[in-house]
Amino acid sequence: MKQATSKGPWVLDDLLDPLVGSFSRRVAEKMLSLRADRKTQKRIDQLAEKANEGELTEVERQEYEAYVQAIDLIGILQAKARGYLKRRAEVS
């Protein structure tokens, strides 16, 4: 387990470790292909721009934070999928 001095995405990394045991090649490859659809990506981009300009409303800030957290989770799952596929390739 990683040592942390404050909360961060690595907390999820540790909690999701057991999930890797249920991966298959197909699941790992599907995980790597996850992308936001155009509508969602457009909304994220709009919120990011407003955030950079300091113009988010409180509701928009909460929405943007939810997207960021989801992106972090997906990133962790994708890293685990890449690791799974790499280990599988090394065994073959």
N, C-alpha and C. Protein backbone atom coordinates (compact mmCIF):
# COMPACT_ATOMS: atom_id res chain seq x y z
N MET A 1 0.83 -1.18 0.00
CA MET A 1 0.00 0.00 0.00
C MET A 1 0.87 1.24 0.00
N LYS A 2 0.44 2.26 -0.71
CA LYS A 2 1.17 3.51 -0.78
C LYS A 2 0.94 4.31 0.49
N GLN A 3 1.96 5.02 0.94
CA GLN A 3 1.78 5.88 2.10
C GLN A 3 1.38 7.26 1.60
N ALA A 4 0.43 7.85 2.27
CA ALA A 4 -0.06 9.16 1.85
C ALA A 4 -0.10 10.09 3.05
N THR A 5 0.20 11.34 2.79
CA THR A 5 0.13 12.34 3.85
C THR A 5 -1.19 13.08 3.80
N SER A 6 -1.89 12.99 2.72
CA SER A 6 -3.22 13.60 2.59
C SER A 6 -4.04 12.78 1.62
N LYS A 7 -5.33 13.07 1.58
CA LYS A 7 -6.20 12.32 0.66
C LYS A 7 -5.82 12.61 -0.77
N GLY A 8 -6.08 11.66 -1.63
CA GLY A 8 -5.78 11.83 -3.04
C GLY A 8 -6.29 10.65 -3.82
N PRO A 9 -6.12 10.70 -5.14
CA PRO A 9 -6.61 9.61 -5.99
C PRO A 9 -6.01 8.26 -5.64
N TRP A 10 -4.81 8.22 -5.03
CA TRP A 10 -4.19 6.94 -4.70
C TRP A 10 -5.00 6.15 -3.69
N VAL A 11 -5.87 6.82 -2.93
CA VAL A 11 -6.76 6.11 -2.01
C VAL A 11 -7.64 5.18 -2.84
N LEU A 12 -8.18 5.69 -3.93
CA LEU A 12 -8.98 4.85 -4.81
C LEU A 12 -8.14 3.76 -5.44
N ASP A 13 -6.91 4.09 -5.78
CA ASP A 13 -6.01 3.11 -6.37
C ASP A 13 -5.90 1.89 -5.48
N ASP A 14 -5.67 2.11 -4.20
CA ASP A 14 -5.56 0.99 -3.26
C ASP A 14 -6.89 0.25 -3.11
N LEU A 15 -7.98 0.98 -3.03
CA LEU A 15 -9.28 0.35 -2.84
C LEU A 15 -9.71 -0.48 -4.06
N LEU A 16 -9.22 -0.09 -5.23
CA LEU A 16 -9.62 -0.77 -6.46
C LEU A 16 -8.71 -1.95 -6.81
N ASP A 17 -7.62 -2.13 -6.07
CA ASP A 17 -6.71 -3.25 -6.36
C ASP A 17 -7.44 -4.60 -6.47
N PRO A 18 -8.36 -4.93 -5.57
CA PRO A 18 -9.04 -6.23 -5.69
C PRO A 18 -9.84 -6.39 -6.98
N LEU A 19 -10.26 -5.29 -7.57
CA LEU A 19 -11.03 -5.35 -8.81
C LEU A 19 -10.22 -5.95 -9.95
N VAL A 20 -8.92 -5.74 -9.94
CA VAL A 20 -8.06 -6.25 -11.01
C VAL A 20 -8.20 -7.76 -11.13
N GLY A 21 -8.45 -8.44 -10.03
CA GLY A 21 -8.61 -9.89 -10.05
C GLY A 21 -9.79 -10.35 -10.89
N SER A 22 -10.73 -9.45 -11.14
CA SER A 22 -11.89 -9.83 -11.95
C SER A 22 -11.75 -9.38 -13.41
N PHE A 23 -10.62 -8.78 -13.74
CA PHE A 23 -10.40 -8.36 -15.13
C PHE A 23 -10.21 -9.58 -16.03
N SER A 24 -10.64 -9.43 -17.24
CA SER A 24 -10.30 -10.35 -18.32
C SER A 24 -9.64 -9.47 -19.38
N ARG A 25 -9.08 -10.10 -20.38
CA ARG A 25 -8.46 -9.32 -21.46
C ARG A 25 -9.51 -8.39 -22.07
N ARG A 26 -10.69 -8.91 -22.31
CA ARG A 26 -11.77 -8.13 -22.93
C ARG A 26 -12.17 -6.93 -22.05
N VAL A 27 -12.32 -7.18 -20.76
CA VAL A 27 -12.70 -6.10 -19.83
C VAL A 27 -11.60 -5.04 -19.80
N ALA A 28 -10.34 -5.45 -19.71
CA ALA A 28 -9.23 -4.51 -19.67
C ALA A 28 -9.17 -3.67 -20.94
N GLU A 29 -9.34 -4.31 -22.08
CA GLU A 29 -9.32 -3.56 -23.34
C GLU A 29 -10.49 -2.59 -23.43
N LYS A 30 -11.64 -3.01 -22.97
CA LYS A 30 -12.82 -2.13 -22.96
C LYS A 30 -12.59 -0.94 -22.04
N MET A 31 -11.97 -1.19 -20.90
CA MET A 31 -11.66 -0.12 -19.95
C MET A 31 -10.75 0.93 -20.61
N LEU A 32 -9.79 0.46 -21.39
CA LEU A 32 -8.86 1.38 -22.04
C LEU A 32 -9.53 2.21 -23.13
N SER A 33 -10.66 1.74 -23.63
CA SER A 33 -11.33 2.47 -24.71
C SER A 33 -12.35 3.49 -24.19
N LEU A 34 -12.52 3.56 -22.86
CA LEU A 34 -13.51 4.50 -22.31
C LEU A 34 -13.14 5.94 -22.63
N ARG A 35 -14.08 6.66 -23.18
CA ARG A 35 -13.91 8.08 -23.49
C ARG A 35 -15.26 8.75 -23.29
N ALA A 36 -15.21 10.02 -22.94
CA ALA A 36 -16.45 10.80 -22.83
C ALA A 36 -17.04 10.98 -24.23
N ASP A 37 -18.36 10.96 -24.31
CA ASP A 37 -18.98 11.24 -25.61
C ASP A 37 -18.82 12.74 -25.90
N ARG A 38 -19.13 13.13 -27.12
CA ARG A 38 -18.91 14.52 -27.54
C ARG A 38 -19.65 15.54 -26.68
N LYS A 39 -20.89 15.23 -26.35
CA LYS A 39 -21.70 16.14 -25.55
C LYS A 39 -21.09 16.33 -24.16
N THR A 40 -20.69 15.24 -23.55
CA THR A 40 -20.08 15.31 -22.22
C THR A 40 -18.75 16.04 -22.28
N GLN A 41 -17.93 15.72 -23.27
CA GLN A 41 -16.63 16.38 -23.40
C GLN A 41 -16.80 17.87 -23.62
N LYS A 42 -17.79 18.26 -24.40
CA LYS A 42 -18.05 19.68 -24.63
C LYS A 42 -18.41 20.37 -23.32
N ARG A 43 -19.24 19.71 -22.50
CA ARG A 43 -19.62 20.29 -21.22
C ARG A 43 -18.42 20.42 -20.29
N ILE A 44 -17.59 19.39 -20.25
CA ILE A 44 -16.38 19.45 -19.42
C ILE A 44 -15.49 20.60 -19.86
N ASP A 45 -15.32 20.75 -21.16
CA ASP A 45 -14.50 21.83 -21.69
C ASP A 45 -15.07 23.21 -21.33
N GLN A 46 -16.40 23.34 -21.40
CA GLN A 46 -17.04 24.60 -21.03
C GLN A 46 -16.79 24.91 -19.55
N LEU A 47 -16.98 23.92 -18.72
CA LEU A 47 -16.78 24.12 -17.29
C LEU A 47 -15.31 24.42 -16.97
N ALA A 48 -14.40 23.75 -17.65
CA ALA A 48 -12.97 23.99 -17.44
C ALA A 48 -12.61 25.43 -17.80
N GLU A 49 -13.15 25.89 -18.90
CA GLU A 49 -12.87 27.27 -19.33
C GLU A 49 -13.40 28.27 -18.29
N LYS A 50 -14.62 28.04 -17.85
CA LYS A 50 -15.19 28.93 -16.82
C LYS A 50 -14.40 28.85 -15.52
N ALA A 51 -13.94 27.66 -15.17
CA ALA A 51 -13.13 27.50 -13.95
C ALA A 51 -11.83 28.26 -14.06
N ASN A 52 -11.19 28.18 -15.22
CA ASN A 52 -9.93 28.90 -15.44
C ASN A 52 -10.11 30.41 -15.36
N GLU A 53 -11.30 30.87 -15.69
CA GLU A 53 -11.58 32.30 -15.65
C GLU A 53 -12.23 32.73 -14.33
N GLY A 54 -12.41 31.76 -13.42
CA GLY A 54 -13.00 32.06 -12.12
C GLY A 54 -14.46 32.44 -12.19
N GLU A 55 -15.18 31.87 -13.15
CA GLU A 55 -16.57 32.27 -13.39
C GLU A 55 -17.59 31.16 -13.12
N LEU A 56 -17.20 30.11 -12.42
CA LEU A 56 -18.14 29.03 -12.14
C LEU A 56 -19.12 29.44 -11.04
N THR A 57 -20.38 29.09 -11.24
CA THR A 57 -21.34 29.20 -10.15
C THR A 57 -21.08 28.05 -9.18
N GLU A 58 -21.68 28.07 -8.03
CA GLU A 58 -21.50 26.98 -7.07
C GLU A 58 -21.98 25.65 -7.64
N VAL A 59 -23.12 25.67 -8.32
CA VAL A 59 -23.65 24.44 -8.93
C VAL A 59 -22.69 23.94 -10.01
N GLU A 60 -22.15 24.82 -10.83
CA GLU A 60 -21.21 24.44 -11.88
C GLU A 60 -19.91 23.90 -11.26
N ARG A 61 -19.48 24.51 -10.17
CA ARG A 61 -18.27 24.03 -9.49
C ARG A 61 -18.46 22.61 -9.01
N GLN A 62 -19.61 22.31 -8.43
CA GLN A 62 -19.90 20.95 -7.97
C GLN A 62 -19.96 19.98 -9.15
N GLU A 63 -20.58 20.41 -10.23
CA GLU A 63 -20.65 19.56 -11.43
C GLU A 63 -19.25 19.28 -11.97
N TYR A 64 -18.43 20.32 -12.05
CA TYR A 64 -17.07 20.18 -12.57
C TYR A 64 -16.24 19.26 -11.67
N GLU A 65 -16.36 19.43 -10.35
CA GLU A 65 -15.64 18.56 -9.43
C GLU A 65 -16.06 17.11 -9.60
N ALA A 66 -17.34 16.87 -9.85
CA ALA A 66 -17.82 15.50 -10.08
C ALA A 66 -17.19 14.92 -11.33
N TYR A 67 -17.10 15.72 -12.39
CA TYR A 67 -16.44 15.25 -13.61
C TYR A 67 -14.97 14.93 -13.33
N VAL A 68 -14.29 15.80 -12.62
CA VAL A 68 -12.87 15.60 -12.32
C VAL A 68 -12.68 14.31 -11.52
N GLN A 69 -13.54 14.09 -10.53
CA GLN A 69 -13.44 12.86 -9.74
C GLN A 69 -13.70 11.63 -10.61
N ALA A 70 -14.67 11.71 -11.50
CA ALA A 70 -14.96 10.58 -12.39
C ALA A 70 -13.78 10.32 -13.32
N ILE A 71 -13.18 11.39 -13.82
CA ILE A 71 -12.01 11.25 -14.70
C ILE A 71 -10.85 10.61 -13.95
N ASP A 72 -10.65 11.00 -12.69
CA ASP A 72 -9.61 10.38 -11.87
C ASP A 72 -9.86 8.89 -11.71
N LEU A 73 -11.10 8.53 -11.42
CA LEU A 73 -11.46 7.12 -11.25
C LEU A 73 -11.21 6.34 -12.54
N ILE A 74 -11.64 6.88 -13.64
CA ILE A 74 -11.43 6.21 -14.93
C ILE A 74 -9.94 6.08 -15.22
N GLY A 75 -9.18 7.12 -14.92
CA GLY A 75 -7.74 7.07 -15.13
C GLY A 75 -7.07 5.96 -14.32
N ILE A 76 -7.49 5.82 -13.08
CA ILE A 76 -6.95 4.76 -12.23
C ILE A 76 -7.31 3.39 -12.79
N LEU A 77 -8.58 3.23 -13.18
CA LEU A 77 -9.00 1.95 -13.75
C LEU A 77 -8.26 1.65 -15.04
N GLN A 78 -8.01 2.67 -15.85
CA GLN A 78 -7.26 2.45 -17.09
C GLN A 78 -5.81 2.07 -16.80
N ALA A 79 -5.22 2.68 -15.80
CA ALA A 79 -3.85 2.32 -15.43
C ALA A 79 -3.80 0.87 -14.97
N LYS A 80 -4.79 0.46 -14.20
CA LYS A 80 -4.86 -0.93 -13.75
C LYS A 80 -5.06 -1.88 -14.93
N ALA A 81 -5.87 -1.46 -15.89
CA ALA A 81 -6.09 -2.28 -17.09
C ALA A 81 -4.79 -2.42 -17.89
N ARG A 82 -4.04 -1.31 -18.04
CA ARG A 82 -2.76 -1.39 -18.76
C ARG A 82 -1.80 -2.33 -18.03
N GLY A 83 -1.75 -2.22 -16.71
CA GLY A 83 -0.89 -3.11 -15.93
C GLY A 83 -1.29 -4.57 -16.07
N TYR A 84 -2.58 -4.82 -16.05
CA TYR A 84 -3.09 -6.18 -16.22
C TYR A 84 -2.65 -6.74 -17.57
N LEU A 85 -2.85 -5.96 -18.63
CA LEU A 85 -2.50 -6.43 -19.98
C LEU A 85 -1.00 -6.61 -20.13
N LYS A 86 -0.22 -5.74 -19.50
CA LYS A 86 1.24 -5.87 -19.57
C LYS A 86 1.69 -7.15 -18.85
N ARG A 87 1.17 -7.39 -17.66
CA ARG A 87 1.55 -8.60 -16.93
C ARG A 87 1.12 -9.85 -17.70
N ARG A 88 -0.02 -9.78 -18.28
CA ARG A 88 -0.54 -10.92 -19.06
C ARG A 88 0.37 -11.20 -20.27
N ALA A 89 0.85 -10.13 -20.92
CA ALA A 89 1.74 -10.28 -22.07
C ALA A 89 3.10 -10.85 -21.65
N GLU A 90 3.57 -10.48 -20.46
CA GLU A 90 4.85 -10.97 -19.97
C GLU A 90 4.78 -12.45 -19.64
N VAL A 91 3.63 -12.94 -19.21
CA VAL A 91 3.44 -14.34 -18.86
C VAL A 91 3.35 -15.20 -20.12
N SER A 92 2.80 -14.63 -21.18
CA SER A 92 2.59 -15.39 -22.42
C SER A 92 3.88 -15.72 -23.12
